[in-house]
Amino acid sequence: MPRLRIKPAFAWTLVFLLVSASPVWALDFDSLIQSRLSQDGKTLDLSGSRIKTAGARKLAQMEILKGVTTLLLEGNQIKAEGMEALAQSPHLANLKHLDLWGNYLGDTGLQALVESPYLKNLETLKIWKNEISEDGVALMAESEHFLNLKTLLMNNNLITPEAVRYLAASKGFPKLETLSLFSNEIGDEGAVYLAQSTHFPNLAKLYVGQNGITDKGAVALIQSGNFPKLVLLDMIMNSLGKETFKAMLKFNPDKKVQIITR
């Protein structure tokens, strides 16, 4: 039987396809971490590295995290199990900024973060596109672990008016300066809950675009006197009409607040 000969060009293509289908770190995880760690050892940027659940578990065990204050895990598909491993890592006790965009955490993964004994010093939390619902938001609202949080970005989740009700009633975010709920399902009811809340005295930027809000919700936010430090209200991609613009003229005549509607 003649031997099968693989042309060099085809062989290299096969190797490329095999490597591309594997996690970025499959060949050498330690080298990946070192290459993505900032020179001062404070920022670890693993965005798009596809470390997945197994990588998150491995990462959680690394002592090099002790000096990290910013951890960027955008698009790594770590899922709830990976978040559970990270949440139980004592090496993350100094973490202040955490980006978990697009990791399929769900409410179970968020619960692990909320209940972590080590992630109590966060100032920035980005949890875009993680299938978080009102159950997860309720857990956050009941927690005392976010007292230092200044930026909370929850775009593209499953956040309903009921979820916003939990958030608006919570006293757990006294330092919050930026809140983004873009592309959720809060509607007018959720907007009214926010407008009536007295628990965000430091809120400066509020993003509620693409949330099914109409004039009713928009007017409630514009005329709310509960955000004394507000400088930006972003309500793009909602169904806003004349009443919204009348409220802008009446309650924001000097344009101290930048109101974006389109």
Protein backbone atom coordinates (compact mmCIF):
# COMPACT_ATOMS: atom_id res chain seq x y z
CA MET A 1 0.00 0.00 0.00
CA PRO A 2 1.49 3.39 -0.99
CA ARG A 3 2.28 5.76 1.90
CA LEU A 4 0.13 8.85 2.25
CA ARG A 5 2.18 11.96 1.70
CA ILE A 6 1.01 15.28 3.11
CA LYS A 7 2.26 18.33 1.31
CA PRO A 8 4.05 20.87 3.58
CA ALA A 9 1.57 23.63 2.78
CA PHE A 10 -1.35 21.40 3.74
CA ALA A 11 0.40 20.30 6.93
CA TRP A 12 0.86 23.90 8.08
CA THR A 13 -2.76 24.65 7.27
CA LEU A 14 -3.84 21.65 9.37
CA VAL A 15 -1.74 22.83 12.32
CA PHE A 16 -3.20 26.33 12.03
CA LEU A 17 -6.75 25.00 12.06
CA LEU A 18 -6.11 22.81 15.09
CA VAL A 19 -4.55 25.67 17.06
CA SER A 20 -7.30 28.09 16.04
CA ALA A 21 -9.95 25.71 17.30
CA SER A 22 -8.25 25.44 20.68
CA PRO A 23 -8.15 28.01 23.47
CA VAL A 24 -5.44 30.63 22.99
CA TRP A 25 -3.69 29.39 26.14
CA ALA A 26 -3.69 25.69 25.20
CA LEU A 27 0.04 25.59 24.49
CA ASP A 28 1.33 27.58 27.48
CA PHE A 29 -0.99 29.22 29.99
CA ASP A 30 1.79 30.76 32.07
CA SER A 31 3.28 32.43 29.02
CA LEU A 32 -0.13 33.85 28.10
CA ILE A 33 -0.53 35.38 31.54
CA GLN A 34 2.94 36.91 31.48
CA SER A 35 2.40 38.36 28.01
CA ARG A 36 -0.92 39.96 29.00
CA LEU A 37 0.23 41.36 32.35
CA SER A 38 1.12 45.05 32.45
CA GLN A 39 4.66 46.05 33.32
CA ASP A 40 3.65 47.23 36.78
CA GLY A 41 1.75 44.00 37.40
CA LYS A 42 -1.54 45.76 38.10
CA THR A 43 -3.51 45.09 34.90
CA LEU A 44 -4.16 41.67 33.39
CA ASP A 45 -5.88 41.92 30.02
CA LEU A 46 -7.13 38.54 28.80
CA SER A 47 -9.81 39.95 26.50
CA GLY A 48 -10.67 37.49 23.75
CA SER A 49 -8.28 34.81 24.98
CA ARG A 50 -10.97 32.10 25.16
CA ILE A 51 -9.67 30.72 28.43
CA LYS A 52 -13.13 29.29 29.18
CA THR A 53 -14.03 27.53 32.43
CA ALA A 54 -10.84 25.46 32.65
CA GLY A 55 -8.68 28.53 32.17
CA ALA A 56 -10.59 30.47 34.81
CA ARG A 57 -9.98 27.67 37.29
CA LYS A 58 -6.30 27.67 36.50
CA LEU A 59 -6.13 31.45 36.71
CA ALA A 60 -7.78 31.46 40.13
CA GLN A 61 -4.86 29.48 41.55
CA MET A 62 -2.12 31.83 40.37
CA GLU A 63 -0.40 33.95 43.02
CA ILE A 64 0.55 36.49 40.37
CA LEU A 65 -3.00 37.86 40.78
CA LYS A 66 -2.17 39.26 44.20
CA GLY A 67 -0.91 42.51 42.67
CA VAL A 68 -3.63 42.80 40.02
CA THR A 69 -6.16 45.60 40.48
CA THR A 70 -7.68 45.46 36.96
CA LEU A 71 -8.78 42.17 35.39
CA LEU A 72 -10.22 42.20 31.86
CA LEU A 73 -11.94 38.96 30.86
CA GLU A 74 -14.10 40.12 27.96
CA GLY A 75 -15.34 37.31 25.73
CA ASN A 76 -13.74 34.35 27.50
CA GLN A 77 -16.80 32.16 28.04
CA ILE A 78 -15.81 31.30 31.60
CA LYS A 79 -19.47 30.58 32.50
CA ALA A 80 -20.82 30.18 36.03
CA GLU A 81 -18.32 27.50 36.99
CA GLY A 82 -15.37 29.67 36.02
CA MET A 83 -16.77 32.61 37.96
CA GLU A 84 -17.23 30.39 41.00
CA ALA A 85 -13.53 29.49 40.89
CA LEU A 86 -12.43 33.11 40.58
CA ALA A 87 -14.80 34.24 43.31
CA GLN A 88 -13.13 31.86 45.76
CA SER A 89 -9.60 32.99 44.93
CA PRO A 90 -7.91 34.88 47.79
CA HIS A 91 -5.43 36.19 45.22
CA LEU A 92 -8.09 38.61 43.90
CA ALA A 93 -8.58 40.47 47.17
CA ASN A 94 -6.99 43.65 45.75
CA LEU A 95 -9.11 43.72 42.59
CA LYS A 96 -10.85 47.04 41.87
CA HIS A 97 -11.85 46.84 38.21
CA LEU A 98 -13.45 43.73 36.68
CA ASP A 99 -14.67 43.29 33.09
CA LEU A 100 -16.78 40.17 32.51
CA TRP A 101 -18.42 41.11 29.20
CA GLY A 102 -19.87 38.15 27.32
CA ASN A 103 -18.98 35.27 29.63
CA TYR A 104 -22.37 33.51 29.94
CA LEU A 105 -22.36 33.85 33.72
CA GLY A 106 -26.10 33.81 34.23
CA ASP A 107 -27.57 34.47 37.65
CA THR A 108 -25.63 31.55 39.11
CA GLY A 109 -22.31 33.06 38.11
CA LEU A 110 -23.37 36.47 39.36
CA GLN A 111 -24.34 34.91 42.68
CA ALA A 112 -20.81 33.56 43.04
CA LEU A 113 -19.42 37.05 42.46
CA VAL A 114 -21.89 38.65 44.88
CA GLU A 115 -21.12 36.17 47.64
CA SER A 116 -17.35 36.20 47.17
CA PRO A 117 -15.47 36.96 50.40
CA TYR A 118 -12.65 38.49 48.34
CA LEU A 119 -14.35 40.73 45.75
CA LYS A 120 -15.50 43.42 48.15
CA ASN A 121 -13.39 46.31 46.90
CA LEU A 122 -14.65 46.61 43.33
CA GLU A 123 -14.97 50.13 41.92
CA THR A 124 -15.83 49.11 38.35
CA LEU A 125 -17.94 46.12 37.30
CA LYS A 126 -18.77 45.45 33.66
CA ILE A 127 -21.17 42.55 33.20
CA TRP A 128 -22.55 43.18 29.72
CA LYS A 129 -24.25 40.31 27.92
CA ASN A 130 -24.30 37.71 30.67
CA GLU A 131 -27.96 36.62 30.68
CA ILE A 132 -28.57 38.29 34.04
CA SER A 133 -32.20 38.55 35.14
CA GLU A 134 -34.10 40.04 38.06
CA ASP A 135 -32.95 37.17 40.29
CA GLY A 136 -29.32 38.16 39.84
CA VAL A 137 -30.05 41.85 40.32
CA ALA A 138 -31.96 41.06 43.52
CA LEU A 139 -28.85 39.34 44.89
CA MET A 140 -26.74 42.38 44.08
CA ALA A 141 -29.26 44.72 45.67
CA GLU A 142 -29.23 42.76 48.91
CA SER A 143 -25.44 42.60 49.12
CA GLU A 144 -23.14 44.87 51.12
CA HIS A 145 -20.16 44.06 48.90
CA PHE A 146 -20.66 46.96 46.46
CA LEU A 147 -20.31 49.90 48.82
CA ASN A 148 -17.22 51.11 46.91
CA LEU A 149 -18.63 50.56 43.42
CA LYS A 150 -18.51 53.65 41.20
CA THR A 151 -19.28 52.18 37.77
CA LEU A 152 -21.84 49.45 37.03
CA LEU A 153 -22.35 48.45 33.39
CA MET A 154 -25.14 45.92 32.80
CA ASN A 155 -25.88 46.33 29.08
CA ASN A 156 -27.56 43.61 27.01
CA ASN A 157 -28.98 41.46 29.77
CA LEU A 158 -32.49 40.38 30.79
CA ILE A 159 -33.20 43.22 33.19
CA THR A 160 -36.90 43.91 33.72
CA PRO A 161 -38.82 46.60 35.63
CA GLU A 162 -38.86 44.30 38.66
CA ALA A 163 -35.07 44.05 38.52
CA VAL A 164 -34.82 47.83 38.48
CA ARG A 165 -37.17 48.01 41.45
CA TYR A 166 -34.69 45.93 43.46
CA LEU A 167 -31.82 48.13 42.32
CA ALA A 168 -33.63 51.40 43.02
CA ALA A 169 -34.61 50.32 46.53
CA SER A 170 -31.10 49.21 47.47
CA LYS A 171 -28.80 51.17 49.76
CA GLY A 172 -25.86 49.10 48.61
CA PHE A 173 -24.49 51.50 45.96
CA PRO A 174 -23.87 54.82 47.76
CA LYS A 175 -20.82 55.75 45.64
CA LEU A 176 -22.24 54.81 42.25
CA GLU A 177 -21.40 57.44 39.62
CA THR A 178 -22.14 55.63 36.35
CA LEU A 179 -25.00 53.20 35.71
CA SER A 180 -25.62 51.68 32.30
CA LEU A 181 -28.68 49.55 31.58
CA PHE A 182 -28.55 49.95 27.80
CA SER A 183 -30.45 47.36 25.76
CA ASN A 184 -32.55 45.73 28.45
CA GLU A 185 -36.30 45.60 29.12
CA ILE A 186 -36.89 48.15 31.89
CA GLY A 187 -39.67 50.08 30.11
CA ASP A 188 -41.48 53.07 31.62
CA GLU A 189 -42.06 51.22 34.87
CA GLY A 190 -38.35 50.67 35.40
CA ALA A 191 -37.54 54.25 34.44
CA VAL A 192 -40.02 55.52 37.04
CA TYR A 193 -38.48 53.29 39.70
CA LEU A 194 -35.09 54.84 38.97
CA ALA A 195 -36.48 58.37 38.95
CA GLN A 196 -38.06 57.88 42.35
CA SER A 197 -34.99 56.37 43.99
CA THR A 198 -33.17 58.43 46.60
CA HIS A 199 -30.26 56.02 46.91
CA PHE A 200 -27.99 57.33 44.14
CA PRO A 201 -26.77 60.72 45.42
CA ASN A 202 -23.53 60.54 43.43
CA LEU A 203 -24.96 59.34 40.11
CA ALA A 204 -23.46 61.42 37.30
CA LYS A 205 -24.13 59.32 34.18
CA LEU A 206 -27.20 57.21 33.44
CA TYR A 207 -27.61 55.14 30.27
CA VAL A 208 -31.05 53.67 29.59
CA GLY A 209 -31.12 53.55 25.79
CA GLN A 210 -33.02 50.82 23.91
CA ASN A 211 -35.27 49.87 26.81
CA GLY A 212 -38.80 50.36 25.48
CA ILE A 213 -39.14 53.69 27.27
CA THR A 214 -41.77 56.20 26.11
CA ASP A 215 -42.52 59.78 27.15
CA LYS A 216 -43.85 58.64 30.52
CA GLY A 217 -40.56 57.12 31.65
CA ALA A 218 -38.39 59.76 30.03
CA VAL A 219 -40.27 62.65 31.64
CA ALA A 220 -40.03 60.96 35.04
CA LEU A 221 -36.25 60.78 34.71
CA ILE A 222 -35.88 64.32 33.38
CA GLN A 223 -37.90 65.93 36.14
CA SER A 224 -36.51 63.77 38.94
CA GLY A 225 -34.72 65.80 41.57
CA ASN A 226 -33.03 62.77 43.07
CA PHE A 227 -29.80 62.93 41.06
CA PRO A 228 -28.11 66.19 42.11
CA LYS A 229 -24.82 65.32 40.40
CA LEU A 230 -26.27 64.08 37.11
CA VAL A 231 -24.49 65.46 34.02
CA LEU A 232 -25.51 62.89 31.38
CA LEU A 233 -28.82 61.14 30.68
CA ASP A 234 -28.64 58.88 27.62
CA MET A 235 -32.02 57.62 26.36
CA ILE A 236 -31.25 56.81 22.72
CA MET A 237 -33.25 54.26 20.73
CA ASN A 238 -36.45 54.68 22.73
CA SER A 239 -39.91 55.82 21.55
CA LEU A 240 -39.77 59.43 22.72
CA GLY A 241 -42.07 62.21 21.54
CA LYS A 242 -43.14 65.78 22.22
CA GLU A 243 -43.68 65.38 25.95
CA THR A 244 -40.05 64.41 26.43
CA PHE A 245 -38.82 67.51 24.63
CA LYS A 246 -41.22 69.74 26.57
CA ALA A 247 -39.83 68.31 29.80
CA MET A 248 -36.28 68.96 28.60
CA LEU A 249 -37.12 72.64 28.05
CA LYS A 250 -38.96 72.97 31.34
CA PHE A 251 -36.70 71.06 33.73
CA ASN A 252 -33.33 71.44 32.00
CA PRO A 253 -33.44 74.94 30.42
CA ASP A 254 -29.80 75.72 31.13
CA LYS A 255 -28.73 72.31 29.79
CA LYS A 256 -26.70 71.45 32.87
CA VAL A 257 -27.57 67.85 32.12
CA GLN A 258 -26.67 66.55 28.68
CA ILE A 259 -29.77 64.66 27.57
CA ILE A 260 -29.32 62.40 24.55
CA THR A 261 -32.46 61.15 22.82
CA ARG A 262 -31.30 60.06 19.36
